[in-house]
N, C-alpha and C. Protein backbone atom coordinates (compact mmCIF):
# COMPACT_ATOMS: atom_id res chain seq x y z
N UNK A 1 -21.65 21.06 -35.13
CA UNK A 1 -21.75 21.09 -33.41
C UNK A 1 -22.47 20.06 -33.12
N UNK A 2 -22.37 20.14 -31.78
CA UNK A 2 -22.70 18.74 -30.78
C UNK A 2 -23.71 18.58 -30.68
N UNK A 3 -24.06 17.06 -30.12
CA UNK A 3 -25.66 17.18 -30.25
C UNK A 3 -26.06 17.34 -29.00
N UNK A 4 -25.30 18.30 -27.86
CA UNK A 4 -24.77 17.92 -26.97
C UNK A 4 -25.22 19.37 -26.76
N UNK A 5 -24.64 20.18 -27.59
CA UNK A 5 -25.16 21.78 -27.28
C UNK A 5 -26.12 22.29 -28.11
N UNK A 6 -26.94 21.76 -28.73
CA UNK A 6 -27.95 21.22 -30.36
C UNK A 6 -29.20 21.32 -30.02
N UNK A 7 -29.13 21.10 -28.84
CA UNK A 7 -29.92 20.61 -27.79
C UNK A 7 -30.54 21.81 -27.69
N UNK A 8 -29.97 22.83 -27.18
CA UNK A 8 -30.56 23.51 -26.27
C UNK A 8 -30.73 24.31 -27.51
N UNK A 9 -29.71 24.98 -28.65
CA UNK A 9 -30.02 25.91 -30.07
C UNK A 9 -31.44 25.19 -30.54
N UNK A 10 -31.78 24.35 -30.68
CA UNK A 10 -32.97 23.36 -31.05
C UNK A 10 -33.89 23.78 -30.43
N UNK A 11 -33.92 23.70 -29.18
CA UNK A 11 -35.36 24.00 -27.94
C UNK A 11 -34.91 25.64 -28.15
N UNK A 12 -34.24 26.38 -28.00
CA UNK A 12 -35.05 27.71 -28.49
C UNK A 12 -35.02 28.33 -29.26
N UNK A 13 -35.18 27.63 -30.44
CA UNK A 13 -35.02 28.19 -32.20
C UNK A 13 -36.38 28.24 -32.01
N UNK A 14 -36.95 26.67 -31.85
CA UNK A 14 -38.31 26.44 -31.78
C UNK A 14 -39.30 26.91 -31.01
N UNK A 15 -39.19 27.99 -29.86
CA UNK A 15 -39.73 28.57 -29.16
C UNK A 15 -39.50 29.64 -29.73
N UNK A 16 -38.48 29.83 -30.10
CA UNK A 16 -38.66 31.09 -30.99
C UNK A 16 -39.65 31.14 -31.73
N UNK A 17 -39.72 30.23 -33.04
CA UNK A 17 -40.30 30.24 -34.10
C UNK A 17 -41.65 30.07 -33.63
N UNK A 18 -42.39 29.77 -32.30
CA UNK A 18 -43.04 29.38 -32.00
C UNK A 18 -44.48 30.95 -30.90
N UNK A 19 -43.12 31.66 -31.26
CA UNK A 19 -43.02 33.39 -30.41
C UNK A 19 -43.51 32.46 -28.83
N UNK A 20 -42.94 31.43 -27.75
CA UNK A 20 -43.05 31.26 -26.84
C UNK A 20 -41.62 31.72 -25.88
N UNK A 21 -42.31 31.92 -24.73
CA UNK A 21 -40.98 31.47 -23.28
C UNK A 21 -41.08 29.80 -23.53
N UNK A 22 -39.76 30.32 -22.83
CA UNK A 22 -39.28 28.74 -22.43
C UNK A 22 -38.62 29.42 -20.81
N UNK A 23 -38.85 28.84 -19.80
CA UNK A 23 -38.36 29.06 -18.73
C UNK A 23 -36.50 27.92 -18.15
N UNK A 24 -35.97 28.86 -18.42
CA UNK A 24 -34.76 28.78 -17.90
C UNK A 24 -34.46 27.55 -16.85
N UNK A 25 -35.49 26.88 -15.84
CA UNK A 25 -35.23 25.98 -15.17
C UNK A 25 -36.05 24.83 -15.97
N UNK A 26 -36.41 25.38 -16.56
CA UNK A 26 -37.28 23.96 -17.82
C UNK A 26 -36.20 22.79 -18.66
N UNK A 27 -35.58 24.06 -19.64
CA UNK A 27 -34.80 23.94 -20.60
C UNK A 27 -33.74 23.43 -19.49
N UNK A 28 -33.27 23.74 -18.71
CA UNK A 28 -32.19 22.94 -17.50
C UNK A 28 -33.17 21.00 -17.72
N UNK A 29 -33.45 21.16 -16.36
CA UNK A 29 -34.00 20.10 -16.36
C UNK A 29 -34.16 19.01 -17.45
N UNK A 30 -34.90 19.61 -19.36
CA UNK A 30 -35.16 18.58 -20.09
C UNK A 30 -33.83 18.82 -20.43
N UNK A 31 -32.71 19.59 -20.38
CA UNK A 31 -30.87 19.05 -20.91
C UNK A 31 -30.35 18.04 -20.39
N UNK A 32 -30.32 18.25 -18.87
CA UNK A 32 -29.83 17.41 -18.34
C UNK A 32 -30.66 15.65 -18.44
N UNK A 33 -31.92 15.64 -18.15
CA UNK A 33 -32.32 14.66 -18.81
C UNK A 33 -31.97 13.90 -19.64
N UNK A 34 -31.84 14.45 -21.08
CA UNK A 34 -31.15 14.48 -22.39
C UNK A 34 -30.26 13.83 -22.36
N UNK A 35 -29.01 14.84 -20.71
CA UNK A 35 -27.52 14.05 -21.05
C UNK A 35 -27.38 13.21 -20.81
N UNK A 36 -28.19 12.71 -19.17
CA UNK A 36 -28.38 11.68 -19.06
C UNK A 36 -28.17 10.82 -19.31
N UNK A 37 -29.16 10.27 -20.79
CA UNK A 37 -29.50 9.64 -21.63
C UNK A 37 -28.32 8.77 -22.37
N UNK A 38 -27.56 10.30 -22.76
CA UNK A 38 -26.88 10.11 -24.07
C UNK A 38 -25.83 9.28 -22.63
N UNK A 39 -25.09 10.27 -21.86
CA UNK A 39 -24.28 9.89 -21.23
C UNK A 39 -24.18 9.15 -19.31
N UNK A 40 -24.51 8.40 -19.11
CA UNK A 40 -25.11 7.14 -17.63
C UNK A 40 -24.52 7.99 -16.63
N UNK A 41 -23.28 7.99 -17.15
CA UNK A 41 -22.03 8.09 -16.06
C UNK A 41 -21.49 9.77 -15.65
N UNK A 42 -22.24 10.76 -16.64
CA UNK A 42 -21.55 12.63 -16.53
C UNK A 42 -22.13 13.16 -15.66
N UNK A 43 -21.07 13.29 -14.72
CA UNK A 43 -21.18 13.93 -13.18
C UNK A 43 -22.35 15.27 -13.71
N UNK A 44 -23.28 15.74 -12.76
CA UNK A 44 -23.46 16.95 -12.49
C UNK A 44 -23.41 18.63 -12.30
N UNK A 45 -21.39 17.89 -12.31
CA UNK A 45 -20.58 19.44 -12.35
C UNK A 45 -20.72 19.74 -14.40
N UNK A 46 -20.52 18.85 -14.48
CA UNK A 46 -20.12 18.16 -16.12
C UNK A 46 -21.30 19.26 -16.59
N UNK A 47 -22.80 18.58 -16.37
CA UNK A 47 -23.38 19.30 -17.59
C UNK A 47 -23.85 20.47 -17.07
N UNK A 48 -23.48 21.03 -16.09
CA UNK A 48 -23.85 22.43 -15.55
C UNK A 48 -22.92 23.56 -16.57
N UNK A 49 -21.28 22.82 -16.45
CA UNK A 49 -20.50 23.68 -17.34
C UNK A 49 -20.77 23.35 -18.94
N UNK A 50 -21.93 22.18 -19.42
CA UNK A 50 -21.94 21.81 -20.46
C UNK A 50 -22.76 22.76 -20.60
N UNK A 51 -23.84 22.86 -20.08
CA UNK A 51 -25.33 23.92 -19.61
C UNK A 51 -25.19 25.53 -20.19
N UNK A 52 -24.49 25.55 -19.43
CA UNK A 52 -23.28 27.38 -19.23
C UNK A 52 -23.42 27.34 -20.36
N UNK A 53 -22.44 26.90 -21.56
CA UNK A 53 -21.99 27.28 -22.84
C UNK A 53 -22.89 27.25 -23.39
N UNK A 54 -23.72 25.78 -23.27
CA UNK A 54 -25.22 26.63 -24.64
C UNK A 54 -25.31 27.24 -25.10
N UNK A 55 -25.66 28.22 -22.91
CA UNK A 55 -26.43 29.18 -23.93
C UNK A 55 -25.29 30.61 -23.49
N UNK A 56 -24.63 30.06 -23.58
CA UNK A 56 -23.59 31.24 -24.24
C UNK A 56 -23.29 31.23 -25.43
N UNK A 57 -23.71 30.53 -26.11
CA UNK A 57 -23.81 30.18 -28.03
C UNK A 57 -24.88 30.67 -28.58
N UNK A 58 -25.72 29.99 -28.31
CA UNK A 58 -26.50 30.42 -27.39
C UNK A 58 -27.90 32.25 -27.45
N UNK A 59 -27.14 33.03 -26.77
CA UNK A 59 -26.69 34.00 -26.36
C UNK A 59 -25.88 34.74 -27.47
N UNK A 60 -25.07 34.27 -27.99
CA UNK A 60 -24.31 34.79 -29.26
C UNK A 60 -24.87 34.53 -30.59
N UNK A 61 -26.26 33.92 -30.46
CA UNK A 61 -26.97 33.30 -31.46
C UNK A 61 -28.38 34.60 -31.64
N UNK A 62 -28.54 34.61 -30.83
CA UNK A 62 -29.50 36.06 -30.61
C UNK A 62 -31.12 35.05 -29.62
N UNK A 63 -30.81 33.56 -30.07
CA UNK A 63 -31.82 33.17 -29.24
C UNK A 63 -32.43 33.26 -27.41
N UNK A 64 -31.70 34.25 -26.65
CA UNK A 64 -31.88 33.96 -25.87
C UNK A 64 -33.31 34.98 -25.02
N UNK A 65 -33.78 35.29 -26.45
CA UNK A 65 -35.18 36.30 -26.31
C UNK A 65 -35.40 35.89 -25.23
N UNK A 66 -35.84 34.54 -25.73
CA UNK A 66 -36.89 34.28 -25.91
C UNK A 66 -36.98 33.37 -23.76
N UNK A 67 -35.90 33.56 -23.06
CA UNK A 67 -35.69 32.45 -22.51
C UNK A 67 -35.81 33.39 -21.18
N UNK A 68 -36.68 32.75 -19.93
CA UNK A 68 -37.06 33.82 -19.10
C UNK A 68 -36.84 32.60 -17.45
C-alpha cells in the first residue's frame, strides 16, 4: 500500500487499538500536512480525492468505527 493511504489506515488502527475517537477534520488536517511535506506541489483538489479514497479503503477494512 502506498504510504499516502497507509497514513490514514495507520492513524485509524492506532485509534481503534486505544479505543479512541478520531475527528475526521483532525485526521484530514494531519493527512494534508503529511502529504504537503512529502509532495510540496500537490494540489488541494488532489489531496481531497486521495483522502476520500483512503477513507473508503479504511471503511472497507472496518476502521472507520472510531471516526467521528
